[in-house]
Amino acid sequence: MDLGVCVIDSRTNVLSYAGAMRPLYIYRDGIRNTLKGNRHSVGGIGTNDKEFETQTYQLDDNDTLYMFSDGFPDQFGGSRGRKMKISVLNELLDQVCQMPFEKQGNEIELFFETWRGKEPQMDDVLMIGIKI
């Protein structure tokens, strides 16, 4: 299982993040900062030896956070019927990150549905956005 856990101390705006194969994106003034998760999943073979690093980050007012499942970049579609891949998702988030949140949600959903086209949805698709 791939996942990320994010905790924000609302008094200090300090974020703590640990991820299993999932990144956390933090946008500040339109610039993306990435907290990468560890390169192993939760569970599976060798579960007793896995450690997950907790990373901290000082948030500022107006930072925007994004967490998403692997189903988003793994979706098949586009003009060639191929996987979206993380680079396409990065471009999308770079374009919408400074829009009002409601518009971001609409743009992301429209993009995903347009990308998917007639292809079946391959996996769970989840994106969470948080505005500080």
Protein backbone atom coordinates (compact mmCIF):
# COMPACT_ATOMS: atom_id res chain seq x y z
CA MET A 1 0.00 0.00 0.00
CA ASP A 2 1.26 3.47 -0.92
CA LEU A 3 0.19 6.40 1.25
CA GLY A 4 1.19 9.66 2.85
CA VAL A 5 0.49 11.04 6.32
CA CYS A 6 0.50 14.78 6.89
CA VAL A 7 0.14 16.55 10.26
CA ILE A 8 0.02 20.34 10.59
CA ASP A 9 0.51 22.09 13.93
CA SER A 10 -1.96 24.96 13.57
CA ARG A 11 -0.18 27.03 16.25
CA THR A 12 3.24 27.00 14.59
CA ASN A 13 2.36 26.07 10.97
CA VAL A 14 4.94 23.28 11.12
CA LEU A 15 4.07 20.40 8.83
CA SER A 16 5.25 16.82 9.51
CA TYR A 17 5.08 14.36 6.62
CA ALA A 18 5.88 10.69 6.10
CA GLY A 19 5.15 8.93 2.84
CA ALA A 20 5.25 5.43 1.43
CA MET A 21 5.94 5.92 -2.30
CA ARG A 22 3.83 9.12 -2.33
CA PRO A 23 5.06 12.71 -2.49
CA LEU A 24 3.60 15.82 -0.89
CA TYR A 25 3.66 18.97 -3.00
CA ILE A 26 3.89 22.36 -1.34
CA TYR A 27 3.33 25.37 -3.58
CA ARG A 28 4.53 28.78 -2.44
CA ASP A 29 4.04 31.72 -4.80
CA GLY A 30 3.54 29.29 -7.69
CA ILE A 31 6.77 27.37 -7.02
CA ARG A 32 6.52 23.65 -6.27
CA ASN A 33 8.50 22.13 -3.41
CA THR A 34 8.34 18.34 -3.13
CA LEU A 35 8.64 16.21 -0.02
CA LYS A 36 9.34 12.75 -1.37
CA GLY A 37 8.08 9.68 0.40
CA ASN A 38 10.28 6.70 1.14
CA ARG A 39 10.88 4.32 -1.76
CA HIS A 40 8.97 1.41 -0.27
CA SER A 41 5.34 0.59 0.39
CA VAL A 42 3.60 -0.31 3.64
CA GLY A 43 3.27 -4.07 4.05
CA GLY A 44 4.57 -6.79 1.76
CA ILE A 45 7.83 -8.70 2.03
CA GLY A 46 10.32 -7.51 4.64
CA THR A 47 7.81 -5.42 6.56
CA ASN A 48 9.83 -5.51 9.80
CA ASP A 49 12.84 -3.73 8.27
CA LYS A 50 11.02 -0.75 6.75
CA GLU A 51 11.43 2.69 8.23
CA PHE A 52 9.58 5.80 7.17
CA GLU A 53 11.32 9.14 7.56
CA THR A 54 9.31 12.02 9.00
CA GLN A 55 10.11 15.29 7.26
CA THR A 56 9.22 18.70 8.63
CA TYR A 57 8.51 21.90 6.75
CA GLN A 58 7.71 25.41 7.95
CA LEU A 59 4.56 26.54 6.18
CA ASP A 60 3.68 30.14 5.34
CA ASP A 61 0.27 31.71 4.92
CA ASN A 62 -1.10 31.04 1.43
CA ASP A 63 0.96 27.88 0.86
CA THR A 64 -1.02 25.19 -0.94
CA LEU A 65 -0.50 21.46 -0.32
CA TYR A 66 -1.41 18.58 -2.64
CA MET A 67 -1.47 14.88 -1.90
CA PHE A 68 -2.75 12.34 -4.44
CA SER A 69 -3.09 8.63 -5.01
CA ASP A 70 -1.09 6.81 -7.67
CA GLY A 71 -4.31 6.27 -9.62
CA PHE A 72 -4.15 9.82 -10.97
CA PRO A 73 -0.79 9.65 -12.81
CA ASP A 74 -1.30 5.94 -13.64
CA GLN A 75 -4.50 6.59 -15.61
CA PHE A 76 -4.43 5.65 -19.29
CA GLY A 77 -5.73 8.13 -21.86
CA GLY A 78 -4.61 11.18 -23.76
CA SER A 79 -4.21 11.22 -27.53
CA ARG A 80 -2.03 8.09 -27.48
CA GLY A 81 -3.89 6.03 -24.87
CA ARG A 82 -0.85 5.96 -22.57
CA LYS A 83 -0.33 6.51 -18.85
CA MET A 84 -0.54 10.11 -17.76
CA LYS A 85 2.68 9.93 -15.70
CA ILE A 86 3.77 12.29 -12.97
CA SER A 87 5.27 14.87 -15.36
CA VAL A 88 1.84 15.59 -16.89
CA LEU A 89 0.25 15.85 -13.44
CA ASN A 90 3.06 18.22 -12.36
CA GLU A 91 2.36 20.49 -15.34
CA LEU A 92 -1.35 20.53 -14.48
CA LEU A 93 -0.75 21.46 -10.84
CA ASP A 94 1.82 24.10 -11.86
CA GLN A 95 -0.89 25.69 -14.05
CA VAL A 96 -3.75 25.63 -11.53
CA CYS A 97 -1.96 26.15 -8.19
CA GLN A 98 -2.69 29.88 -7.98
CA MET A 99 -6.33 29.71 -9.08
CA PRO A 100 -9.15 29.94 -6.52
CA PHE A 101 -9.68 26.51 -4.94
CA GLU A 102 -13.12 25.88 -6.46
CA LYS A 103 -11.77 26.62 -9.92
CA GLN A 104 -8.76 24.35 -9.29
CA GLY A 105 -11.06 21.46 -8.43
CA ASN A 106 -13.11 21.99 -11.56
CA GLU A 107 -10.02 22.28 -13.77
CA ILE A 108 -8.39 19.15 -12.29
CA GLU A 109 -11.57 17.11 -12.65
CA LEU A 110 -12.12 18.30 -16.23
CA PHE A 111 -8.51 17.55 -17.12
CA PHE A 112 -8.73 14.02 -15.67
CA GLU A 113 -11.99 13.21 -17.47
CA THR A 114 -10.68 14.64 -20.75
CA TRP A 115 -7.42 12.70 -20.36
CA ARG A 116 -9.25 9.47 -19.55
CA GLY A 117 -11.65 9.87 -22.48
CA LYS A 118 -13.20 6.46 -23.16
CA GLU A 119 -10.59 4.53 -21.20
CA PRO A 120 -11.87 2.80 -18.05
CA GLN A 121 -10.73 4.26 -14.74
CA MET A 122 -7.77 2.06 -13.73
CA ASP A 123 -7.54 2.63 -9.98
CA ASP A 124 -8.70 4.79 -7.13
CA VAL A 125 -8.23 8.47 -7.93
CA LEU A 126 -7.86 10.85 -5.02
CA MET A 127 -6.41 14.33 -4.77
CA ILE A 128 -6.44 16.46 -1.66
CA GLY A 129 -5.64 20.16 -1.71
CA ILE A 130 -5.14 22.23 1.43
CA LYS A 131 -4.77 26.01 1.49
CA ILE A 132 -2.89 27.38 4.52
